[in-house]
Amino acid sequence: MTLFVRIKPNQRLDLIERVNNEWQIRLKAPAVDGKANDHLLTFLSQVLNLPKAAILIKRGHSSRMKYLEINATTDYVLGKLEALVNE
């Protein structure tokens, strides 16, 4: 499954939001030396209960807009994300 997300690094806490039909992920890690990208993969692997190797940043390594390739079904990924947003 492919997923487009907007990253907001250097935040107070890690959080997933749905804003204007767009997924936004707030990360504690700063956008320095790939720390935010590494933290994104770790955070999403914990949220989705998948190994880090199942999530790949296809495009946007140096951008806030990320194009992710996730080795899971669309229903599974969107179900997990929606459950977090609706808590």
N, C-alpha and C. Protein backbone atom coordinates (compact mmCIF):
# COMPACT_ATOMS: atom_id res chain seq x y z
N MET A 1 0.85 -1.17 0.00
CA MET A 1 0.00 0.00 0.00
C MET A 1 0.89 1.23 0.00
N THR A 2 0.43 2.28 -0.66
CA THR A 2 1.16 3.54 -0.65
C THR A 2 0.41 4.54 0.22
N LEU A 3 1.16 5.38 0.90
CA LEU A 3 0.57 6.35 1.81
C LEU A 3 1.35 7.66 1.71
N PHE A 4 0.62 8.76 1.52
CA PHE A 4 1.23 10.09 1.52
C PHE A 4 1.00 10.71 2.89
N VAL A 5 2.05 11.21 3.50
CA VAL A 5 1.94 11.85 4.81
C VAL A 5 2.73 13.15 4.83
N ARG A 6 2.28 14.08 5.65
CA ARG A 6 3.02 15.32 5.89
C ARG A 6 3.63 15.21 7.29
N ILE A 7 4.92 15.44 7.36
CA ILE A 7 5.65 15.30 8.61
C ILE A 7 5.88 16.67 9.23
N LYS A 8 5.68 16.75 10.54
CA LYS A 8 5.98 17.96 11.31
C LYS A 8 7.00 17.56 12.38
N PRO A 9 8.29 17.76 12.10
CA PRO A 9 9.32 17.36 13.06
C PRO A 9 9.46 18.36 14.20
N ASN A 10 10.20 17.94 15.22
CA ASN A 10 10.54 18.79 16.35
C ASN A 10 9.30 19.26 17.14
N GLN A 11 8.38 18.34 17.36
CA GLN A 11 7.16 18.63 18.10
C GLN A 11 7.29 18.14 19.54
N ARG A 12 6.30 18.44 20.35
CA ARG A 12 6.32 18.03 21.75
C ARG A 12 6.10 16.54 21.94
N LEU A 13 5.28 15.95 21.07
CA LEU A 13 4.96 14.54 21.20
C LEU A 13 4.71 13.93 19.83
N ASP A 14 4.75 12.60 19.77
CA ASP A 14 4.45 11.88 18.54
C ASP A 14 2.94 11.72 18.44
N LEU A 15 2.39 12.11 17.28
CA LEU A 15 0.95 12.12 17.13
C LEU A 15 0.59 11.98 15.66
N ILE A 16 -0.49 11.24 15.39
CA ILE A 16 -1.02 11.12 14.03
C ILE A 16 -2.34 11.86 13.98
N GLU A 17 -2.49 12.71 12.95
CA GLU A 17 -3.70 13.52 12.79
C GLU A 17 -4.22 13.38 11.37
N ARG A 18 -5.49 13.67 11.22
CA ARG A 18 -6.10 13.74 9.89
C ARG A 18 -6.59 15.17 9.73
N VAL A 19 -5.97 15.97 8.85
CA VAL A 19 -6.31 17.37 8.66
C VAL A 19 -6.60 17.60 7.18
N ASN A 20 -7.81 18.08 6.89
CA ASN A 20 -8.22 18.36 5.51
C ASN A 20 -7.96 17.18 4.58
N ASN A 21 -8.38 16.00 5.01
CA ASN A 21 -8.24 14.78 4.21
C ASN A 21 -6.77 14.42 3.94
N GLU A 22 -5.88 14.83 4.81
CA GLU A 22 -4.45 14.57 4.66
C GLU A 22 -3.91 14.02 5.98
N TRP A 23 -3.09 13.00 5.90
CA TRP A 23 -2.46 12.44 7.10
C TRP A 23 -1.28 13.31 7.49
N GLN A 24 -1.24 13.72 8.75
CA GLN A 24 -0.12 14.48 9.29
C GLN A 24 0.42 13.73 10.49
N ILE A 25 1.74 13.65 10.55
CA ILE A 25 2.39 12.96 11.66
C ILE A 25 3.34 13.94 12.33
N ARG A 26 3.09 14.19 13.62
CA ARG A 26 3.98 15.03 14.42
C ARG A 26 5.01 14.13 15.08
N LEU A 27 6.28 14.53 14.97
CA LEU A 27 7.36 13.73 15.52
C LEU A 27 8.21 14.57 16.48
N LYS A 28 8.68 13.91 17.54
CA LYS A 28 9.57 14.57 18.50
C LYS A 28 10.95 14.83 17.90
N ALA A 29 11.36 13.99 17.00
CA ALA A 29 12.72 14.06 16.46
C ALA A 29 12.91 15.28 15.56
N PRO A 30 14.09 15.87 15.59
CA PRO A 30 14.38 17.01 14.71
C PRO A 30 14.70 16.53 13.29
N ALA A 31 14.52 17.42 12.34
CA ALA A 31 14.81 17.10 10.94
C ALA A 31 16.28 17.37 10.65
N VAL A 32 17.15 16.64 11.33
CA VAL A 32 18.59 16.82 11.19
C VAL A 32 19.22 15.44 10.98
N ASP A 33 20.03 15.32 9.96
CA ASP A 33 20.78 14.08 9.68
C ASP A 33 19.89 12.84 9.60
N GLY A 34 18.69 12.98 9.11
CA GLY A 34 17.79 11.84 8.92
C GLY A 34 17.15 11.31 10.20
N LYS A 35 17.29 12.04 11.29
CA LYS A 35 16.71 11.57 12.56
C LYS A 35 15.19 11.49 12.48
N ALA A 36 14.56 12.46 11.83
CA ALA A 36 13.10 12.45 11.71
C ALA A 36 12.63 11.26 10.86
N ASN A 37 13.36 10.95 9.80
CA ASN A 37 13.00 9.81 8.96
C ASN A 37 13.12 8.50 9.73
N ASP A 38 14.20 8.34 10.48
CA ASP A 38 14.38 7.13 11.30
C ASP A 38 13.29 7.02 12.36
N HIS A 39 12.99 8.14 13.00
CA HIS A 39 11.95 8.14 14.03
C HIS A 39 10.58 7.86 13.42
N LEU A 40 10.33 8.37 12.22
CA LEU A 40 9.07 8.10 11.52
C LEU A 40 8.89 6.61 11.30
N LEU A 41 9.91 5.94 10.81
CA LEU A 41 9.81 4.50 10.56
C LEU A 41 9.60 3.72 11.86
N THR A 42 10.31 4.11 12.92
CA THR A 42 10.14 3.45 14.22
C THR A 42 8.74 3.67 14.77
N PHE A 43 8.27 4.91 14.72
CA PHE A 43 6.94 5.25 15.24
C PHE A 43 5.84 4.52 14.47
N LEU A 44 5.91 4.54 13.14
CA LEU A 44 4.89 3.86 12.35
C LEU A 44 4.93 2.35 12.54
N SER A 45 6.11 1.79 12.71
CA SER A 45 6.18 0.34 12.92
C SER A 45 5.53 -0.05 14.25
N GLN A 46 5.65 0.80 15.26
CA GLN A 46 4.99 0.54 16.54
C GLN A 46 3.48 0.71 16.42
N VAL A 47 3.05 1.78 15.74
CA VAL A 47 1.62 2.07 15.59
C VAL A 47 0.93 0.98 14.78
N LEU A 48 1.56 0.56 13.69
CA LEU A 48 0.95 -0.42 12.79
C LEU A 48 1.24 -1.86 13.19
N ASN A 49 2.09 -2.04 14.20
CA ASN A 49 2.47 -3.38 14.66
C ASN A 49 3.10 -4.18 13.51
N LEU A 50 4.02 -3.53 12.80
CA LEU A 50 4.74 -4.13 11.68
C LEU A 50 6.23 -3.96 11.93
N PRO A 51 7.07 -4.80 11.32
CA PRO A 51 8.51 -4.57 11.43
C PRO A 51 8.92 -3.33 10.65
N LYS A 52 10.01 -2.69 11.06
CA LYS A 52 10.49 -1.49 10.37
C LYS A 52 10.78 -1.77 8.90
N ALA A 53 11.20 -2.98 8.60
CA ALA A 53 11.53 -3.35 7.22
C ALA A 53 10.29 -3.36 6.31
N ALA A 54 9.10 -3.38 6.89
CA ALA A 54 7.87 -3.39 6.10
C ALA A 54 7.45 -1.99 5.66
N ILE A 55 8.16 -0.96 6.12
CA ILE A 55 7.83 0.43 5.79
C ILE A 55 9.04 1.05 5.11
N LEU A 56 8.81 1.63 3.94
CA LEU A 56 9.88 2.19 3.14
C LEU A 56 9.51 3.59 2.67
N ILE A 57 10.43 4.52 2.82
CA ILE A 57 10.22 5.87 2.30
C ILE A 57 10.63 5.85 0.83
N LYS A 58 9.66 5.92 -0.07
CA LYS A 58 9.95 5.86 -1.50
C LYS A 58 10.42 7.21 -2.03
N ARG A 59 9.75 8.29 -1.60
CA ARG A 59 10.11 9.64 -2.03
C ARG A 59 9.95 10.60 -0.86
N GLY A 60 10.73 11.67 -0.89
CA GLY A 60 10.59 12.71 0.13
C GLY A 60 11.55 12.59 1.28
N HIS A 61 12.73 12.01 1.06
CA HIS A 61 13.69 11.86 2.16
C HIS A 61 14.09 13.19 2.78
N SER A 62 14.12 14.24 1.97
CA SER A 62 14.51 15.55 2.50
C SER A 62 13.34 16.54 2.47
N SER A 63 12.13 16.03 2.34
CA SER A 63 10.94 16.87 2.27
C SER A 63 10.01 16.53 3.43
N ARG A 64 9.08 17.41 3.71
CA ARG A 64 8.09 17.12 4.75
C ARG A 64 6.97 16.25 4.22
N MET A 65 6.79 16.21 2.90
CA MET A 65 5.81 15.32 2.28
C MET A 65 6.51 14.00 1.96
N LYS A 66 6.02 12.92 2.53
CA LYS A 66 6.64 11.61 2.35
C LYS A 66 5.68 10.69 1.58
N TYR A 67 6.26 9.90 0.71
CA TYR A 67 5.55 8.89 -0.04
C TYR A 67 6.05 7.55 0.50
N LEU A 68 5.21 6.88 1.28
CA LEU A 68 5.61 5.65 1.96
C LEU A 68 5.04 4.42 1.27
N GLU A 69 5.84 3.39 1.22
CA GLU A 69 5.39 2.09 0.73
C GLU A 69 5.33 1.17 1.95
N ILE A 70 4.13 0.68 2.26
CA ILE A 70 3.92 -0.15 3.45
C ILE A 70 3.50 -1.54 3.00
N ASN A 71 4.21 -2.54 3.48
CA ASN A 71 3.94 -3.92 3.10
C ASN A 71 2.82 -4.49 3.96
N ALA A 72 1.60 -4.00 3.71
CA ALA A 72 0.40 -4.46 4.42
C ALA A 72 -0.80 -4.05 3.57
N THR A 73 -1.96 -4.59 3.90
CA THR A 73 -3.15 -4.25 3.13
C THR A 73 -3.62 -2.85 3.48
N THR A 74 -4.31 -2.24 2.54
CA THR A 74 -4.84 -0.90 2.73
C THR A 74 -5.82 -0.86 3.89
N ASP A 75 -6.69 -1.86 3.98
CA ASP A 75 -7.68 -1.90 5.06
C ASP A 75 -7.01 -1.96 6.43
N TYR A 76 -5.95 -2.76 6.55
CA TYR A 76 -5.25 -2.90 7.81
C TYR A 76 -4.61 -1.57 8.23
N VAL A 77 -3.88 -0.94 7.32
CA VAL A 77 -3.17 0.30 7.64
C VAL A 77 -4.14 1.42 7.97
N LEU A 78 -5.13 1.63 7.10
CA LEU A 78 -6.09 2.72 7.34
C LEU A 78 -6.93 2.46 8.59
N GLY A 79 -7.24 1.20 8.87
CA GLY A 79 -7.97 0.86 10.09
C GLY A 79 -7.19 1.23 11.34
N LYS A 80 -5.89 0.91 11.36
CA LYS A 80 -5.04 1.25 12.51
C LYS A 80 -4.92 2.77 12.67
N LEU A 81 -4.71 3.49 11.55
CA LEU A 81 -4.55 4.94 11.62
C LEU A 81 -5.84 5.61 12.06
N GLU A 82 -6.97 5.19 11.51
CA GLU A 82 -8.26 5.77 11.88
C GLU A 82 -8.57 5.52 13.36
N ALA A 83 -8.20 4.34 13.87
CA ALA A 83 -8.44 4.04 15.28
C ALA A 83 -7.65 4.98 16.17
N LEU A 84 -6.44 5.31 15.79
CA LEU A 84 -5.64 6.26 16.59
C LEU A 84 -6.21 7.66 16.55
N VAL A 85 -6.67 8.08 15.39
CA VAL A 85 -7.20 9.44 15.24
C VAL A 85 -8.50 9.60 16.02
N ASN A 86 -9.30 8.55 16.06
CA ASN A 86 -10.62 8.62 16.69
C ASN A 86 -10.59 8.37 18.19
N GLU A 87 -9.42 8.15 18.78
CA GLU A 87 -9.35 7.91 20.24
C GLU A 87 -9.66 9.15 21.02
